[in-house]
Amino acid sequence: MMPKMKTHKGTKKRFRITGKGKIKHRQCGTSHLANRMSHKRKRNLRGTTVLAEAESVALREALGKYSY
């Protein structure tokens, strides 16, 4: 018998599954060095976005039991 797959803890902290099964994530590029960006670009990077479906397959495996 194979052991259970462990949840990747870094992935668990960074991604959330919506009710319909899509994966939400925070957009990158706003942590530091943001003073060189335009205000419009910084404003558009706020909030969360939905991950592309092609990338979400591997993420579901990493999330393990948190992916349903």
N, C-alpha and C. Protein backbone atom coordinates (compact mmCIF):
# COMPACT_ATOMS: atom_id res chain seq x y z
N MET A 1 0.84 -1.19 0.00
CA MET A 1 0.00 0.00 0.00
C MET A 1 0.88 1.25 0.00
N MET A 2 0.53 2.21 -0.85
CA MET A 2 1.32 3.44 -0.94
C MET A 2 0.91 4.41 0.18
N PRO A 3 1.86 5.22 0.66
CA PRO A 3 1.49 6.20 1.69
C PRO A 3 0.65 7.33 1.09
N LYS A 4 0.00 8.06 1.96
CA LYS A 4 -0.82 9.19 1.51
C LYS A 4 0.08 10.30 0.97
N MET A 5 -0.45 11.05 0.01
CA MET A 5 0.27 12.21 -0.51
C MET A 5 0.16 13.34 0.50
N LYS A 6 1.28 14.01 0.76
CA LYS A 6 1.24 15.13 1.68
C LYS A 6 0.88 16.41 0.94
N THR A 7 0.18 17.30 1.64
CA THR A 7 -0.16 18.60 1.09
C THR A 7 1.09 19.47 1.08
N HIS A 8 1.32 20.18 -0.02
CA HIS A 8 2.45 21.11 -0.09
C HIS A 8 2.05 22.37 0.66
N LYS A 9 2.69 22.63 1.80
CA LYS A 9 2.25 23.69 2.69
C LYS A 9 2.41 25.09 2.09
N GLY A 10 3.46 25.30 1.29
CA GLY A 10 3.64 26.59 0.65
C GLY A 10 2.52 26.88 -0.34
N THR A 11 2.06 25.85 -1.04
CA THR A 11 0.96 26.01 -1.98
C THR A 11 -0.34 26.27 -1.25
N LYS A 12 -0.53 25.60 -0.14
CA LYS A 12 -1.75 25.77 0.66
C LYS A 12 -1.89 27.21 1.16
N LYS A 13 -0.76 27.85 1.48
CA LYS A 13 -0.80 29.22 1.99
C LYS A 13 -1.08 30.24 0.89
N ARG A 14 -0.76 29.91 -0.35
CA ARG A 14 -0.81 30.90 -1.42
C ARG A 14 -2.02 30.80 -2.34
N PHE A 15 -2.74 29.70 -2.30
CA PHE A 15 -3.85 29.49 -3.23
C PHE A 15 -5.10 29.07 -2.49
N ARG A 16 -6.28 29.48 -3.02
CA ARG A 16 -7.57 29.10 -2.45
C ARG A 16 -8.44 28.52 -3.56
N ILE A 17 -9.26 27.56 -3.22
CA ILE A 17 -10.19 26.97 -4.18
C ILE A 17 -11.54 27.65 -4.01
N THR A 18 -12.14 28.07 -5.12
CA THR A 18 -13.47 28.68 -5.05
C THR A 18 -14.52 27.57 -4.98
N GLY A 19 -15.76 27.97 -4.83
CA GLY A 19 -16.85 27.01 -4.74
C GLY A 19 -17.02 26.18 -5.99
N LYS A 20 -16.72 26.76 -7.14
CA LYS A 20 -16.87 26.04 -8.41
C LYS A 20 -15.60 25.31 -8.82
N GLY A 21 -14.56 25.37 -7.96
CA GLY A 21 -13.34 24.61 -8.24
C GLY A 21 -12.23 25.38 -8.91
N LYS A 22 -12.41 26.67 -9.13
CA LYS A 22 -11.34 27.47 -9.72
C LYS A 22 -10.32 27.81 -8.63
N ILE A 23 -9.13 28.20 -9.04
CA ILE A 23 -8.06 28.49 -8.07
C ILE A 23 -7.77 29.98 -8.09
N LYS A 24 -7.89 30.61 -6.91
CA LYS A 24 -7.61 32.03 -6.75
C LYS A 24 -6.20 32.21 -6.22
N HIS A 25 -5.55 33.30 -6.64
CA HIS A 25 -4.22 33.59 -6.13
C HIS A 25 -3.99 35.09 -6.13
N ARG A 26 -3.02 35.52 -5.32
CA ARG A 26 -2.65 36.92 -5.26
C ARG A 26 -1.71 37.21 -6.42
N GLN A 27 -1.84 38.39 -7.01
CA GLN A 27 -0.97 38.73 -8.13
C GLN A 27 0.41 39.12 -7.64
N CYS A 28 1.41 38.81 -8.43
CA CYS A 28 2.79 39.07 -8.02
C CYS A 28 3.23 40.47 -8.42
N GLY A 29 4.33 40.91 -7.84
CA GLY A 29 4.95 42.15 -8.26
C GLY A 29 4.59 43.36 -7.43
N THR A 30 3.99 43.18 -6.26
CA THR A 30 3.61 44.35 -5.46
C THR A 30 4.30 44.39 -4.11
N SER A 31 5.18 43.45 -3.82
CA SER A 31 5.78 43.38 -2.50
C SER A 31 6.76 44.52 -2.25
N HIS A 32 7.63 44.77 -3.22
CA HIS A 32 8.62 45.84 -3.05
C HIS A 32 9.01 46.34 -4.43
N LEU A 33 9.78 47.43 -4.47
CA LEU A 33 10.21 48.09 -5.71
C LEU A 33 9.02 48.56 -6.54
N ALA A 34 7.92 48.90 -5.86
CA ALA A 34 6.71 49.29 -6.58
C ALA A 34 6.69 50.78 -6.89
N ASN A 35 7.66 51.54 -6.37
CA ASN A 35 7.64 52.99 -6.62
C ASN A 35 7.98 53.34 -8.07
N ARG A 36 8.56 52.40 -8.80
CA ARG A 36 8.86 52.66 -10.21
C ARG A 36 7.66 52.35 -11.12
N MET A 37 6.62 51.75 -10.58
CA MET A 37 5.44 51.41 -11.37
C MET A 37 4.48 52.59 -11.48
N SER A 38 3.71 52.58 -12.53
CA SER A 38 2.66 53.59 -12.65
C SER A 38 1.56 53.26 -11.66
N HIS A 39 0.79 54.27 -11.29
CA HIS A 39 -0.30 54.06 -10.34
C HIS A 39 -1.35 53.13 -10.92
N LYS A 40 -1.57 53.22 -12.22
CA LYS A 40 -2.55 52.36 -12.88
C LYS A 40 -2.13 50.89 -12.79
N ARG A 41 -0.84 50.62 -12.99
CA ARG A 41 -0.35 49.25 -12.94
C ARG A 41 -0.48 48.67 -11.53
N LYS A 42 -0.12 49.48 -10.53
CA LYS A 42 -0.23 49.02 -9.14
C LYS A 42 -1.69 48.77 -8.76
N ARG A 43 -2.58 49.64 -9.22
CA ARG A 43 -4.00 49.51 -8.93
C ARG A 43 -4.57 48.22 -9.56
N ASN A 44 -4.12 47.91 -10.77
CA ASN A 44 -4.62 46.71 -11.44
C ASN A 44 -4.04 45.42 -10.87
N LEU A 45 -2.96 45.52 -10.10
CA LEU A 45 -2.38 44.33 -9.48
C LEU A 45 -3.01 44.02 -8.12
N ARG A 46 -3.91 44.89 -7.64
CA ARG A 46 -4.56 44.64 -6.36
C ARG A 46 -5.51 43.46 -6.43
N GLY A 47 -5.79 42.88 -5.28
CA GLY A 47 -6.81 41.84 -5.22
C GLY A 47 -6.31 40.50 -5.71
N THR A 48 -7.24 39.61 -6.03
CA THR A 48 -6.89 38.27 -6.45
C THR A 48 -7.38 38.03 -7.87
N THR A 49 -6.78 37.04 -8.52
CA THR A 49 -7.21 36.64 -9.86
C THR A 49 -7.36 35.13 -9.89
N VAL A 50 -7.98 34.65 -10.95
CA VAL A 50 -8.19 33.21 -11.11
C VAL A 50 -7.05 32.65 -11.94
N LEU A 51 -6.52 31.53 -11.51
CA LEU A 51 -5.40 30.89 -12.19
C LEU A 51 -5.87 30.25 -13.49
N ALA A 52 -4.99 30.20 -14.49
CA ALA A 52 -5.31 29.56 -15.76
C ALA A 52 -5.57 28.07 -15.53
N GLU A 53 -6.50 27.53 -16.30
CA GLU A 53 -6.92 26.13 -16.10
C GLU A 53 -5.77 25.16 -16.37
N ALA A 54 -4.88 25.49 -17.31
CA ALA A 54 -3.77 24.60 -17.64
C ALA A 54 -2.80 24.46 -16.47
N GLU A 55 -2.62 25.53 -15.69
CA GLU A 55 -1.69 25.49 -14.56
C GLU A 55 -2.32 24.87 -13.32
N SER A 56 -3.64 24.81 -13.29
CA SER A 56 -4.31 24.37 -12.06
C SER A 56 -4.25 22.86 -11.86
N VAL A 57 -3.91 22.09 -12.89
CA VAL A 57 -3.88 20.63 -12.75
C VAL A 57 -2.80 20.21 -11.76
N ALA A 58 -1.58 20.73 -11.92
CA ALA A 58 -0.49 20.38 -11.02
C ALA A 58 -0.74 20.92 -9.62
N LEU A 59 -1.41 22.07 -9.53
CA LEU A 59 -1.68 22.68 -8.22
C LEU A 59 -2.66 21.85 -7.41
N ARG A 60 -3.65 21.27 -8.09
CA ARG A 60 -4.61 20.44 -7.37
C ARG A 60 -3.93 19.24 -6.73
N GLU A 61 -2.93 18.69 -7.43
CA GLU A 61 -2.19 17.56 -6.89
C GLU A 61 -1.37 17.99 -5.67
N ALA A 62 -0.79 19.18 -5.73
CA ALA A 62 0.02 19.68 -4.61
C ALA A 62 -0.85 20.02 -3.42
N LEU A 63 -2.10 20.47 -3.67
CA LEU A 63 -2.99 20.83 -2.57
C LEU A 63 -3.60 19.61 -1.88
N GLY A 64 -3.60 18.48 -2.55
CA GLY A 64 -4.08 17.25 -1.92
C GLY A 64 -5.52 17.35 -1.49
N LYS A 65 -5.78 17.12 -0.22
CA LYS A 65 -7.16 17.06 0.26
C LYS A 65 -7.84 18.43 0.31
N TYR A 66 -7.08 19.52 0.09
CA TYR A 66 -7.67 20.85 0.10
C TYR A 66 -8.16 21.26 -1.29
N SER A 67 -8.10 20.34 -2.26
CA SER A 67 -8.42 20.71 -3.63
C SER A 67 -9.83 20.30 -4.06
N TYR A 68 -10.69 19.90 -3.12
CA TYR A 68 -12.06 19.59 -3.53
C TYR A 68 -13.04 20.48 -2.85
